[in-house]
Structures are given as structure tokens and as C-alpha cells.
Amino acid sequence: MKLLFWGLVAVAFCYLAYSGMIAAWSWIAVNNAVDEIVSKEGVESTPPRELRDKVMSSANEAGVPLTDRDVLVTIGDDRRVRVQVIWTVPIVVVNGDAVVALPLTVRRTSAAKPR
């Protein structure tokens, strides 16, 4: 009985470690995509819709499926581009539905440009 219990504990630990690695990889992929786009010269002159599409396509190429409602891009009066990406990584999936999901967020603001 003890062997069965510790076997289940080991399997649960391995599954949690695997899920954590998938979540970390997902965050790193989206973080890199957002950093690459926000750090480019002249990003403040690009329309927000185009920036959102670039973030989504970069993340989707990396294997992180994002939707339109996951990505918010705004350009403030100070000409700074603000990108916010909020998505979830499913941890426990039952019959194709995520029962437990880990929410992840990436927020970046471009550097201030002198006027």
C-alpha cells in the first residue's frame, strides 16, 4: 500500500513538474516575442492593430496559441507603446476542457522617445 501511495506521489510530482516547464516555456516564448517587437526603432509609429498581429503571429509560431482578446496594445500620449498579454496554460484537462489553468501575464512598455 505504501508503494502504491509513493508511486502516485511520484507520478503527481512529475506531472506538476512537466506542467510547470510547459508554463515557463510558454511565458519565455511570449516574453521574447513582445520584447523583440517593443524594442524596435520606430515602433510608436506602427498602428496598434499591426503590433498586436505581430505579437500574436510570433507567439503562435513559437507554439503558444493567442487570441485577439489575449493581446492589448496601446500608444499613449507620451508616444510610449504599451503591450499587455494575458493568457492561460491548461494544467488539468478533462474531456477537452481545461479544469485547472495557470494564468500568465507579460507587460512591456517601450522606451520614451524625445520629442
PDB file of N, CA and C in Angstrom:
ATOM      1  N   MET A   1       0.811  -1.193   0.000  1.00  0.00           N
ATOM      2  CA  MET A   1       0.000   0.000   0.000  1.00  0.00           C
ATOM      3  C   MET A   1       0.863   1.270   0.000  1.00  0.00           C
ATOM      4  N   LYS A   2       1.947   1.217   0.785  1.00  0.00           N
ATOM      5  CA  LYS A   2       2.856   2.366   0.811  1.00  0.00           C
ATOM      6  C   LYS A   2       3.505   2.577  -0.550  1.00  0.00           C
ATOM      7  N   LEU A   3       3.849   1.488  -1.202  1.00  0.00           N
ATOM      8  CA  LEU A   3       4.484   1.586  -2.516  1.00  0.00           C
ATOM      9  C   LEU A   3       3.539   2.239  -3.528  1.00  0.00           C
ATOM     10  N   LEU A   4       2.263   1.873  -3.501  1.00  0.00           N
ATOM     11  CA  LEU A   4       1.273   2.467  -4.393  1.00  0.00           C
ATOM     12  C   LEU A   4       1.125   3.964  -4.104  1.00  0.00           C
ATOM     13  N   PHE A   5       1.051   4.318  -2.822  1.00  0.00           N
ATOM     14  CA  PHE A   5       0.915   5.723  -2.435  1.00  0.00           C
ATOM     15  C   PHE A   5       2.101   6.535  -2.932  1.00  0.00           C
ATOM     16  N   TRP A   6       3.319   6.069  -2.675  1.00  0.00           N
ATOM     17  CA  TRP A   6       4.506   6.827  -3.074  1.00  0.00           C
ATOM     18  C   TRP A   6       4.670   6.833  -4.587  1.00  0.00           C
ATOM     19  N   GLY A   7       4.194   5.792  -5.250  1.00  0.00           N
ATOM     20  CA  GLY A   7       4.193   5.782  -6.712  1.00  0.00           C
ATOM     21  C   GLY A   7       3.286   6.865  -7.269  1.00  0.00           C
ATOM     22  N   LEU A   8       2.097   7.001  -6.677  1.00  0.00           N
ATOM     23  CA  LEU A   8       1.173   8.053  -7.105  1.00  0.00           C
ATOM     24  C   LEU A   8       1.727   9.445  -6.796  1.00  0.00           C
ATOM     25  N   VAL A   9       2.389   9.590  -5.663  1.00  0.00           N
ATOM     26  CA  VAL A   9       3.016  10.865  -5.317  1.00  0.00           C
ATOM     27  C   VAL A   9       4.098  11.205  -6.339  1.00  0.00           C
ATOM     28  N   ALA A  10       4.895  10.222  -6.737  1.00  0.00           N
ATOM     29  CA  ALA A  10       5.955  10.452  -7.717  1.00  0.00           C
ATOM     30  C   ALA A  10       5.365  10.835  -9.076  1.00  0.00           C
ATOM     31  N   VAL A  11       4.300  10.165  -9.487  1.00  0.00           N
ATOM     32  CA  VAL A  11       3.655  10.490 -10.764  1.00  0.00           C
ATOM     33  C   VAL A  11       3.070  11.904 -10.712  1.00  0.00           C
ATOM     34  N   ALA A  12       2.420  12.259  -9.605  1.00  0.00           N
ATOM     35  CA  ALA A  12       1.846  13.604  -9.454  1.00  0.00           C
ATOM     36  C   ALA A  12       2.948  14.657  -9.489  1.00  0.00           C
ATOM     37  N   PHE A  13       4.059  14.396  -8.824  1.00  0.00           N
ATOM     38  CA  PHE A  13       5.170  15.340  -8.829  1.00  0.00           C
ATOM     39  C   PHE A  13       5.733  15.522 -10.240  1.00  0.00           C
ATOM     40  N   CYS A  14       5.906  14.428 -10.960  1.00  0.00           N
ATOM     41  CA  CYS A  14       6.419  14.510 -12.339  1.00  0.00           C
ATOM     42  C   CYS A  14       5.452  15.281 -13.240  1.00  0.00           C
ATOM     43  N   TYR A  15       4.145  15.055 -13.069  1.00  0.00           N
ATOM     44  CA  TYR A  15       3.161  15.763 -13.880  1.00  0.00           C
ATOM     45  C   TYR A  15       3.180  17.258 -13.568  1.00  0.00           C
ATOM     46  N   LEU A  16       3.278  17.619 -12.296  1.00  0.00           N
ATOM     47  CA  LEU A  16       3.350  19.030 -11.922  1.00  0.00           C
ATOM     48  C   LEU A  16       4.632  19.681 -12.449  1.00  0.00           C
ATOM     49  N   ALA A  17       5.739  18.949 -12.405  1.00  0.00           N
ATOM     50  CA  ALA A  17       6.994  19.479 -12.936  1.00  0.00           C
ATOM     51  C   ALA A  17       6.885  19.696 -14.447  1.00  0.00           C
ATOM     52  N   TYR A  18       6.298  18.745 -15.138  1.00  0.00           N
ATOM     53  CA  TYR A  18       6.091  18.869 -16.587  1.00  0.00           C
ATOM     54  C   TYR A  18       5.200  20.071 -16.905  1.00  0.00           C
ATOM     55  N   SER A  19       4.098  20.212 -16.184  1.00  0.00           N
ATOM     56  CA  SER A  19       3.185  21.334 -16.399  1.00  0.00           C
ATOM     57  C   SER A  19       3.874  22.661 -16.114  1.00  0.00           C
ATOM     58  N   GLY A  20       4.696  22.697 -15.086  1.00  0.00           N
ATOM     59  CA  GLY A  20       5.442  23.913 -14.766  1.00  0.00           C
ATOM     60  C   GLY A  20       6.437  24.275 -15.857  1.00  0.00           C
ATOM     61  N   MET A  21       7.095  23.275 -16.419  1.00  0.00           N
ATOM     62  CA  MET A  21       8.046  23.539 -17.505  1.00  0.00           C
ATOM     63  C   MET A  21       7.332  24.045 -18.754  1.00  0.00           C
ATOM     64  N   ILE A  22       6.160  23.498 -19.055  1.00  0.00           N
ATOM     65  CA  ILE A  22       5.381  23.962 -20.207  1.00  0.00           C
ATOM     66  C   ILE A  22       4.955  25.409 -19.987  1.00  0.00           C
ATOM     67  N   ALA A  23       4.507  25.745 -18.780  1.00  0.00           N
ATOM     68  CA  ALA A  23       4.095  27.117 -18.473  1.00  0.00           C
ATOM     69  C   ALA A  23       5.292  28.072 -18.570  1.00  0.00           C
ATOM     70  N   ALA A  24       6.432  27.658 -18.045  1.00  0.00           N
ATOM     71  CA  ALA A  24       7.631  28.509 -18.104  1.00  0.00           C
ATOM     72  C   ALA A  24       8.066  28.724 -19.549  1.00  0.00           C
ATOM     73  N   TRP A  25       8.052  27.683 -20.342  1.00  0.00           N
ATOM     74  CA  TRP A  25       8.436  27.808 -21.750  1.00  0.00           C
ATOM     75  C   TRP A  25       7.459  28.739 -22.486  1.00  0.00           C
ATOM     76  N   SER A  26       6.176  28.616 -22.188  1.00  0.00           N
ATOM     77  CA  SER A  26       5.163  29.470 -22.800  1.00  0.00           C
ATOM     78  C   SER A  26       5.419  30.930 -22.451  1.00  0.00           C
ATOM     79  N   TRP A  27       5.718  31.217 -21.180  1.00  0.00           N
ATOM     80  CA  TRP A  27       5.973  32.590 -20.755  1.00  0.00           C
ATOM     81  C   TRP A  27       7.230  33.137 -21.429  1.00  0.00           C
ATOM     82  N   ILE A  28       8.279  32.332 -21.504  1.00  0.00           N
ATOM     83  CA  ILE A  28       9.524  32.776 -22.136  1.00  0.00           C
ATOM     84  C   ILE A  28       9.298  33.082 -23.618  1.00  0.00           C
ATOM     85  N   ALA A  29       8.538  32.237 -24.308  1.00  0.00           N
ATOM     86  CA  ALA A  29       8.276  32.454 -25.735  1.00  0.00           C
ATOM     87  C   ALA A  29       7.517  33.753 -25.966  1.00  0.00           C
ATOM     88  N   VAL A  30       6.480  34.005 -25.167  1.00  0.00           N
ATOM     89  CA  VAL A  30       5.696  35.232 -25.335  1.00  0.00           C
ATOM     90  C   VAL A  30       6.516  36.446 -24.911  1.00  0.00           C
ATOM     91  N   ASN A  31       7.268  36.329 -23.830  1.00  0.00           N
ATOM     92  CA  ASN A  31       8.108  37.426 -23.360  1.00  0.00           C
ATOM     93  C   ASN A  31       9.119  37.834 -24.432  1.00  0.00           C
ATOM     94  N   ASN A  32       9.761  36.869 -25.057  1.00  0.00           N
ATOM     95  CA  ASN A  32      10.723  37.163 -26.117  1.00  0.00           C
ATOM     96  C   ASN A  32      10.052  37.810 -27.327  1.00  0.00           C
ATOM     97  N   ALA A  33       8.861  37.329 -27.686  1.00  0.00           N
ATOM     98  CA  ALA A  33       8.142  37.908 -28.824  1.00  0.00           C
ATOM     99  C   ALA A  33       7.778  39.362 -28.553  1.00  0.00           C
ATOM    100  N   VAL A  34       7.292  39.651 -27.350  1.00  0.00           N
ATOM    101  CA  VAL A  34       6.910  41.021 -27.002  1.00  0.00           C
ATOM    102  C   VAL A  34       8.142  41.911 -26.931  1.00  0.00           C
ATOM    103  N   ASP A  35       9.214  41.443 -26.303  1.00  0.00           N
ATOM    104  CA  ASP A  35      10.446  42.238 -26.214  1.00  0.00           C
ATOM    105  C   ASP A  35      10.998  42.581 -27.590  1.00  0.00           C
ATOM    106  N   GLU A  36      10.978  41.614 -28.488  1.00  0.00           N
ATOM    107  CA  GLU A  36      11.509  41.831 -29.834  1.00  0.00           C
ATOM    108  C   GLU A  36      10.724  42.917 -30.565  1.00  0.00           C
ATOM    109  N   ILE A  37       9.429  42.946 -30.392  1.00  0.00           N
ATOM    110  CA  ILE A  37       8.594  43.905 -31.111  1.00  0.00           C
ATOM    111  C   ILE A  37       8.653  45.286 -30.455  1.00  0.00           C
ATOM    112  N   VAL A  38       8.609  45.345 -29.135  1.00  0.00           N
ATOM    113  CA  VAL A  38       8.588  46.632 -28.430  1.00  0.00           C
ATOM    114  C   VAL A  38       9.925  47.344 -28.509  1.00  0.00           C
ATOM    115  N   SER A  39      11.016  46.608 -28.615  1.00  0.00           N
ATOM    116  CA  SER A  39      12.335  47.234 -28.600  1.00  0.00           C
ATOM    117  C   SER A  39      12.782  47.771 -29.966  1.00  0.00           C
ATOM    118  N   LYS A  40      12.015  47.555 -31.018  1.00  0.00           N
ATOM    119  CA  LYS A  40      12.405  48.030 -32.348  1.00  0.00           C
ATOM    120  C   LYS A  40      12.285  49.545 -32.451  1.00  0.00           C
ATOM    121  N   GLU A  41      13.144  50.131 -33.281  1.00  0.00           N
ATOM    122  CA  GLU A  41      13.087  51.568 -33.554  1.00  0.00           C
ATOM    123  C   GLU A  41      11.823  51.886 -34.345  1.00  0.00           C
ATOM    124  N   GLY A  42      11.199  52.991 -34.025  1.00  0.00           N
ATOM    125  CA  GLY A  42      10.024  53.431 -34.755  1.00  0.00           C
ATOM    126  C   GLY A  42       8.759  52.657 -34.439  1.00  0.00           C
ATOM    127  N   VAL A  43       8.761  51.920 -33.338  1.00  0.00           N
ATOM    128  CA  VAL A  43       7.594  51.116 -33.002  1.00  0.00           C
ATOM    129  C   VAL A  43       6.385  51.996 -32.693  1.00  0.00           C
ATOM    130  N   GLU A  44       6.616  53.226 -32.229  1.00  0.00           N
ATOM    131  CA  GLU A  44       5.494  54.102 -31.871  1.00  0.00           C
ATOM    132  C   GLU A  44       4.733  54.613 -33.091  1.00  0.00           C
ATOM    133  N   SER A  45       5.322  54.500 -34.269  1.00  0.00           N
ATOM    134  CA  SER A  45       4.628  54.936 -35.484  1.00  0.00           C
ATOM    135  C   SER A  45       3.845  53.797 -36.146  1.00  0.00           C
ATOM    136  N   THR A  46       3.962  52.596 -35.621  1.00  0.00           N
ATOM    137  CA  THR A  46       3.240  51.451 -36.157  1.00  0.00           C
ATOM    138  C   THR A  46       1.847  51.396 -35.535  1.00  0.00           C
ATOM    139  N   PRO A  47       0.809  51.133 -36.332  1.00  0.00           N
ATOM    140  CA  PRO A  47      -0.549  51.057 -35.779  1.00  0.00           C
ATOM    141  C   PRO A  47      -0.670  49.929 -34.741  1.00  0.00           C
ATOM    142  N   PRO A  48      -1.461  50.155 -33.683  1.00  0.00           N
ATOM    143  CA  PRO A  48      -1.618  49.130 -32.633  1.00  0.00           C
ATOM    144  C   PRO A  48      -2.116  47.788 -33.169  1.00  0.00           C
ATOM    145  N   ARG A  49      -3.011  47.802 -34.142  1.00  0.00           N
ATOM    146  CA  ARG A  49      -3.549  46.548 -34.699  1.00  0.00           C
ATOM    147  C   ARG A  49      -2.417  45.720 -35.332  1.00  0.00           C
ATOM    148  N   GLU A  50      -1.520  46.398 -36.043  1.00  0.00           N
ATOM    149  CA  GLU A  50      -0.399  45.699 -36.681  1.00  0.00           C
ATOM    150  C   GLU A  50       0.557  45.125 -35.628  1.00  0.00           C
ATOM    151  N   LEU A  51       0.802  45.885 -34.557  1.00  0.00           N
ATOM    152  CA  LEU A  51       1.661  45.388 -33.479  1.00  0.00           C
ATOM    153  C   LEU A  51       1.035  44.173 -32.811  1.00  0.00           C
ATOM    154  N   ARG A  52      -0.278  44.221 -32.589  1.00  0.00           N
ATOM    155  CA  ARG A  52      -0.971  43.079 -31.973  1.00  0.00           C
ATOM    156  C   ARG A  52      -0.860  41.847 -32.869  1.00  0.00           C
ATOM    157  N   ASP A  53      -1.037  42.043 -34.166  1.00  0.00           N
ATOM    158  CA  ASP A  53      -0.916  40.917 -35.099  1.00  0.00           C
ATOM    159  C   ASP A  53       0.499  40.333 -35.086  1.00  0.00           C
ATOM    160  N   LYS A  54       1.519  41.203 -34.978  1.00  0.00           N
ATOM    161  CA  LYS A  54       2.901  40.722 -34.923  1.00  0.00           C
ATOM    162  C   LYS A  54       3.151  39.911 -33.659  1.00  0.00           C
ATOM    163  N   VAL A  55       2.645  40.394 -32.526  1.00  0.00           N
ATOM    164  CA  VAL A  55       2.807  39.653 -31.265  1.00  0.00           C
ATOM    165  C   VAL A  55       2.132  38.298 -31.364  1.00  0.00           C
ATOM    166  N   MET A  56       0.912  38.297 -31.883  1.00  0.00           N
ATOM    167  CA  MET A  56       0.169  37.039 -31.986  1.00  0.00           C
ATOM    168  C   MET A  56       0.844  36.059 -32.931  1.00  0.00           C
ATOM    169  N   SER A  57       1.339  36.536 -34.075  1.00  0.00           N
ATOM    170  CA  SER A  57       1.971  35.613 -35.023  1.00  0.00           C
ATOM    171  C   SER A  57       3.291  35.081 -34.467  1.00  0.00           C
ATOM    172  N   SER A  58       4.070  35.923 -33.778  1.00  0.00           N
ATOM    173  CA  SER A  58       5.328  35.446 -33.181  1.00  0.00           C
ATOM    174  C   SER A  58       5.064  34.403 -32.111  1.00  0.00           C
ATOM    175  N   ALA A  59       4.058  34.637 -31.278  1.00  0.00           N
ATOM    176  CA  ALA A  59       3.725  33.676 -30.226  1.00  0.00           C
ATOM    177  C   ALA A  59       3.169  32.388 -30.828  1.00  0.00           C
ATOM    178  N   ASN A  60       2.328  32.513 -31.842  1.00  0.00           N
ATOM    179  CA  ASN A  60       1.773  31.315 -32.483  1.00  0.00           C
ATOM    180  C   ASN A  60       2.849  30.497 -33.173  1.00  0.00           C
ATOM    181  N   GLU A  61       3.856  31.160 -33.766  1.00  0.00           N
ATOM    182  CA  GLU A  61       4.978  30.431 -34.369  1.00  0.00           C
ATOM    183  C   GLU A  61       5.767  29.668 -33.319  1.00  0.00           C
ATOM    184  N   ALA A  62       5.818  30.206 -32.105  1.00  0.00           N
ATOM    185  CA  ALA A  62       6.531  29.538 -31.014  1.00  0.00           C
ATOM    186  C   ALA A  62       5.683  28.447 -30.363  1.00  0.00           C
ATOM    187  N   GLY A  63       4.434  28.308 -30.793  1.00  0.00           N
ATOM    188  CA  GLY A  63       3.585  27.246 -30.260  1.00  0.00           C
ATOM    189  C   GLY A  63       2.666  27.674 -29.132  1.00  0.00           C
ATOM    190  N   VAL A  64       2.525  28.985 -28.918  1.00  0.00           N
ATOM    191  CA  VAL A  64       1.629  29.488 -27.877  1.00  0.00           C
ATOM    192  C   VAL A  64       0.431  30.119 -28.576  1.00  0.00           C
ATOM    193  N   PRO A  65      -0.724  29.444 -28.542  1.00  0.00           N
ATOM    194  CA  PRO A  65      -1.888  29.996 -29.246  1.00  0.00           C
ATOM    195  C   PRO A  65      -2.504  31.164 -28.474  1.00  0.00           C
ATOM    196  N   LEU A  66      -2.499  32.338 -29.101  1.00  0.00           N
ATOM    197  CA  LEU A  66      -3.105  33.528 -28.504  1.00  0.00           C
ATOM    198  C   LEU A  66      -4.280  33.971 -29.368  1.00  0.00           C
ATOM    199  N   THR A  67      -5.263  34.586 -28.738  1.00  0.00           N
ATOM    200  CA  THR A  67      -6.416  35.129 -29.461  1.00  0.00           C
ATOM    201  C   THR A  67      -6.364  36.651 -29.408  1.00  0.00           C
ATOM    202  N   ASP A  68      -7.275  37.297 -30.130  1.00  0.00           N
ATOM    203  CA  ASP A  68      -7.324  38.761 -30.157  1.00  0.00           C
ATOM    204  C   ASP A  68      -7.547  39.351 -28.769  1.00  0.00           C
ATOM    205  N   ARG A  69      -8.333  38.674 -27.948  1.00  0.00           N
ATOM    206  CA  ARG A  69      -8.623  39.231 -26.622  1.00  0.00           C
ATOM    207  C   ARG A  69      -7.487  39.022 -25.627  1.00  0.00           C
ATOM    208  N   ASP A  70      -6.483  38.223 -25.978  1.00  0.00           N
ATOM    209  CA  ASP A  70      -5.335  37.987 -25.088  1.00  0.00           C
ATOM    210  C   ASP A  70      -4.299  39.109 -25.165  1.00  0.00           C
ATOM    211  N   VAL A  71      -4.293  39.864 -26.257  1.00  0.00           N
ATOM    212  CA  VAL A  71      -3.242  40.863 -26.503  1.00  0.00           C
ATOM    213  C   VAL A  71      -3.859  42.255 -26.554  1.00  0.00           C
ATOM    214  N   LEU A  72      -3.319  43.175 -25.743  1.00  0.00           N
ATOM    215  CA  LEU A  72      -3.761  44.567 -25.737  1.00  0.00           C
ATOM    216  C   LEU A  72      -2.559  45.452 -26.028  1.00  0.00           C
ATOM    217  N   VAL A  73      -2.670  46.269 -27.071  1.00  0.00           N
ATOM    218  CA  VAL A  73      -1.601  47.203 -27.453  1.00  0.00           C
ATOM    219  C   VAL A  73      -2.182  48.610 -27.454  1.00  0.00           C
ATOM    220  N   THR A  74      -1.539  49.513 -26.719  1.00  0.00           N
ATOM    221  CA  THR A  74      -1.966  50.915 -26.693  1.00  0.00           C
ATOM    222  C   THR A  74      -0.760  51.817 -26.895  1.00  0.00           C
ATOM    223  N   ILE A  75      -1.021  52.982 -27.481  1.00  0.00           N
ATOM    224  CA  ILE A  75       0.011  54.003 -27.638  1.00  0.00           C
ATOM    225  C   ILE A  75      -0.494  55.227 -26.885  1.00  0.00           C
ATOM    226  N   GLY A  76       0.241  55.608 -25.844  1.00  0.00           N
ATOM    227  CA  GLY A  76      -0.166  56.717 -25.004  1.00  0.00           C
ATOM    228  C   GLY A  76       0.191  58.068 -25.584  1.00  0.00           C
ATOM    229  N   ASP A  77      -0.233  59.117 -24.874  1.00  0.00           N
ATOM    230  CA  ASP A  77       0.071  60.486 -25.293  1.00  0.00           C
ATOM    231  C   ASP A  77       1.567  60.767 -25.271  1.00  0.00           C
ATOM    232  N   ASP A  78       2.287  60.015 -24.432  1.00  0.00           N
ATOM    233  CA  ASP A  78       3.737  60.200 -24.331  1.00  0.00           C
ATOM    234  C   ASP A  78       4.495  59.423 -25.404  1.00  0.00           C
ATOM    235  N   ARG A  79       3.759  58.858 -26.385  1.00  0.00           N
ATOM    236  CA  ARG A  79       4.315  58.103 -27.514  1.00  0.00           C
ATOM    237  C   ARG A  79       4.981  56.799 -27.083  1.00  0.00           C
ATOM    238  N   ARG A  80       4.637  56.306 -25.914  1.00  0.00           N
ATOM    239  CA  ARG A  80       5.132  55.001 -25.484  1.00  0.00           C
ATOM    240  C   ARG A  80       4.140  53.927 -25.890  1.00  0.00           C
ATOM    241  N   VAL A  81       4.672  52.835 -26.370  1.00  0.00           N
ATOM    242  CA  VAL A  81       3.841  51.690 -26.749  1.00  0.00           C
ATOM    243  C   VAL A  81       3.769  50.758 -25.550  1.00  0.00           C
ATOM    244  N   ARG A  82       2.543  50.421 -25.157  1.00  0.00           N
ATOM    245  CA  ARG A  82       2.325  49.507 -24.039  1.00  0.00           C
ATOM    246  C   ARG A  82       1.680  48.236 -24.576  1.00  0.00           C
ATOM    247  N   VAL A  83       2.308  47.103 -24.280  1.00  0.00           N
ATOM    248  CA  VAL A  83       1.798  45.813 -24.721  1.00  0.00           C
ATOM    249  C   VAL A  83       1.523  44.976 -23.480  1.00  0.00           C
ATOM    250  N   GLN A  84       0.311  44.416 -23.423  1.00  0.00           N
ATOM    251  CA  GLN A  84      -0.067  43.543 -22.324  1.00  0.00           C
ATOM    252  C   GLN A  84      -0.646  42.263 -22.915  1.00  0.00           C
ATOM    253  N   VAL A  85      -0.088  41.129 -22.514  1.00  0.00           N
ATOM    254  CA  VAL A  85      -0.556  39.838 -22.989  1.00  0.00           C
ATOM    255  C   VAL A  85      -0.948  39.015 -21.766  1.00  0.00           C
ATOM    256  N   ILE A  86      -2.198  38.556 -21.731  1.00  0.00           N
ATOM    257  CA  ILE A  86      -2.696  37.721 -20.641  1.00  0.00           C
ATOM    258  C   ILE A  86      -3.292  36.466 -21.262  1.00  0.00           C
ATOM    259  N   TRP A  87      -2.819  35.309 -20.866  1.00  0.00           N
ATOM    260  CA  TRP A  87      -3.322  34.039 -21.383  1.00  0.00           C
ATOM    261  C   TRP A  87      -3.213  32.981 -20.291  1.00  0.00           C
ATOM    262  N   THR A  88      -3.778  31.818 -20.542  1.00  0.00           N
ATOM    263  CA  THR A  88      -3.718  30.731 -19.571  1.00  0.00           C
ATOM    264  C   THR A  88      -3.091  29.505 -20.207  1.00  0.00           C
ATOM    265  N   VAL A  89      -2.428  28.734 -19.367  1.00  0.00           N
ATOM    266  CA  VAL A  89      -1.851  27.458 -19.786  1.00  0.00           C
ATOM    267  C   VAL A  89      -2.617  26.372 -19.042  1.00  0.00           C
ATOM    268  N   PRO A  90      -3.286  25.480 -19.760  1.00  0.00           N
ATOM    269  CA  PRO A  90      -4.048  24.433 -19.068  1.00  0.00           C
ATOM    270  C   PRO A  90      -3.129  23.461 -18.335  1.00  0.00           C
ATOM    271  N   ILE A  91      -3.498  23.150 -17.109  1.00  0.00           N
ATOM    272  CA  ILE A  91      -2.739  22.197 -16.297  1.00  0.00           C
ATOM    273  C   ILE A  91      -3.458  20.854 -16.251  1.00  0.00           C
ATOM    274  N   VAL A  92      -4.764  20.881 -15.964  1.00  0.00           N
ATOM    275  CA  VAL A  92      -5.573  19.668 -15.932  1.00  0.00           C
ATOM    276  C   VAL A  92      -6.666  19.813 -16.974  1.00  0.00           C
ATOM    277  N   VAL A  93      -6.708  18.874 -17.923  1.00  0.00           N
ATOM    278  CA  VAL A  93      -7.691  18.896 -18.997  1.00  0.00           C
ATOM    279  C   VAL A  93      -8.544  17.641 -18.901  1.00  0.00           C
ATOM    280  N   VAL A  94      -9.882  17.831 -18.873  1.00  0.00           N
ATOM    281  CA  VAL A  94     -10.817  16.709 -18.816  1.00  0.00           C
ATOM    282  C   VAL A  94     -11.782  16.849 -19.984  1.00  0.00           C
ATOM    283  N   ASN A  95     -11.848  15.845 -20.822  1.00  0.00           N
ATOM    284  CA  ASN A  95     -12.728  15.833 -21.991  1.00  0.00           C
ATOM    285  C   ASN A  95     -12.531  17.061 -22.884  1.00  0.00           C
ATOM    286  N   GLY A  96     -11.310  17.497 -23.019  1.00  0.00           N
ATOM    287  CA  GLY A  96     -11.003  18.629 -23.881  1.00  0.00           C
ATOM    288  C   GLY A  96     -11.207  19.992 -23.249  1.00  0.00           C
ATOM    289  N   ASP A  97     -11.696  20.046 -22.028  1.00  0.00           N
ATOM    290  CA  ASP A  97     -11.901  21.316 -21.325  1.00  0.00           C
ATOM    291  C   ASP A  97     -10.865  21.472 -20.223  1.00  0.00           C
ATOM    292  N   ALA A  98     -10.298  22.674 -20.120  1.00  0.00           N
ATOM    293  CA  ALA A  98      -9.307  22.948 -19.072  1.00  0.00           C
ATOM    294  C   ALA A  98     -10.031  23.114 -17.741  1.00  0.00           C
ATOM    295  N   VAL A  99      -9.744  22.227 -16.815  1.00  0.00           N
ATOM    296  CA  VAL A  99     -10.349  22.290 -15.484  1.00  0.00           C
ATOM    297  C   VAL A  99      -9.500  23.187 -14.585  1.00  0.00           C
ATOM    298  N   VAL A 100      -8.194  23.049 -14.679  1.00  0.00           N
ATOM    299  CA  VAL A 100      -7.262  23.891 -13.929  1.00  0.00           C
ATOM    300  C   VAL A 100      -6.310  24.521 -14.942  1.00  0.00           C
ATOM    301  N   ALA A 101      -6.195  25.853 -14.874  1.00  0.00           N
ATOM    302  CA  ALA A 101      -5.320  26.574 -15.802  1.00  0.00           C
ATOM    303  C   ALA A 101      -4.507  27.598 -15.023  1.00  0.00           C
ATOM    304  N   LEU A 102      -3.285  27.794 -15.468  1.00  0.00           N
ATOM    305  CA  LEU A 102      -2.381  28.743 -14.840  1.00  0.00           C
ATOM    306  C   LEU A 102      -2.394  30.046 -15.645  1.00  0.00           C
ATOM    307  N   PRO A 103      -2.828  31.166 -15.032  1.00  0.00           N
ATOM    308  CA  PRO A 103      -2.814  32.434 -15.768  1.00  0.00           C
ATOM    309  C   PRO A 103      -1.404  33.026 -15.825  1.00  0.00           C
ATOM    310  N   LEU A 104      -1.023  33.520 -16.994  1.00  0.00           N
ATOM    311  CA  LEU A 104       0.291  34.132 -17.197  1.00  0.00           C
ATOM    312  C   LEU A 104       0.117  35.519 -17.810  1.00  0.00           C
ATOM    313  N   THR A 105       1.037  36.419 -17.490  1.00  0.00           N
ATOM    314  CA  THR A 105       0.962  37.791 -17.972  1.00  0.00           C
ATOM    315  C   THR A 105       2.349  38.289 -18.374  1.00  0.00           C
ATOM    316  N   VAL A 106       2.401  39.029 -19.478  1.00  0.00           N
ATOM    317  CA  VAL A 106       3.608  39.748 -19.894  1.00  0.00           C
ATOM    318  C   VAL A 106       3.180  41.182 -20.185  1.00  0.00           C
ATOM    319  N   ARG A 107       3.872  42.142 -19.557  1.00  0.00           N
ATOM    320  CA  ARG A 107       3.609  43.572 -19.789  1.00  0.00           C
ATOM    321  C   ARG A 107       4.922  44.251 -20.145  1.00  0.00           C
ATOM    322  N   ARG A 108       4.909  45.042 -21.205  1.00  0.00           N
ATOM    323  CA  ARG A 108       6.099  45.776 -21.611  1.00  0.00           C
ATOM    324  C   ARG A 108       5.691  47.163 -22.088  1.00  0.00           C
ATOM    325  N   THR A 109       6.582  48.122 -21.866  1.00  0.00           N
ATOM    326  CA  THR A 109       6.402  49.487 -22.331  1.00  0.00           C
ATOM    327  C   THR A 109       7.671  49.886 -23.074  1.00  0.00           C
ATOM    328  N   SER A 110       7.509  50.511 -24.233  1.00  0.00           N
ATOM    329  CA  SER A 110       8.677  50.941 -24.997  1.00  0.00           C
ATOM    330  C   SER A 110       9.346  52.108 -24.293  1.00  0.00           C
ATOM    331  N   ALA A 111      10.584  52.360 -24.653  1.00  0.00           N
ATOM    332  CA  ALA A 111      11.332  53.470 -24.062  1.00  0.00           C
ATOM    333  C   ALA A 111      10.766  54.792 -24.530  1.00  0.00           C
ATOM    334  N   ALA A 112      10.897  55.810 -23.685  1.00  0.00           N
ATOM    335  CA  ALA A 112      10.397  57.149 -24.036  1.00  0.00           C
ATOM    336  C   ALA A 112      11.255  57.735 -25.143  1.00  0.00           C
ATOM    337  N   LYS A 113      10.626  58.354 -26.106  1.00  0.00           N
ATOM    338  CA  LYS A 113      11.335  58.983 -27.228  1.00  0.00           C
ATOM    339  C   LYS A 113      11.313  60.492 -27.018  1.00  0.00           C
ATOM    340  N   PRO A 114      12.441  61.165 -27.215  1.00  0.00           N
ATOM    341  CA  PRO A 114      12.443  62.623 -27.093  1.00  0.00           C
ATOM    342  C   PRO A 114      11.635  63.250 -28.236  1.00  0.00           C
ATOM    343  N   ARG A 115      10.987  64.334 -27.925  1.00  0.00           N
ATOM    344  CA  ARG A 115      10.151  64.995 -28.934  1.00  0.00           C
ATOM    345  C   ARG A 115      10.918  66.014 -29.695  1.00  0.00           C
TER     346      ARG A 115
END
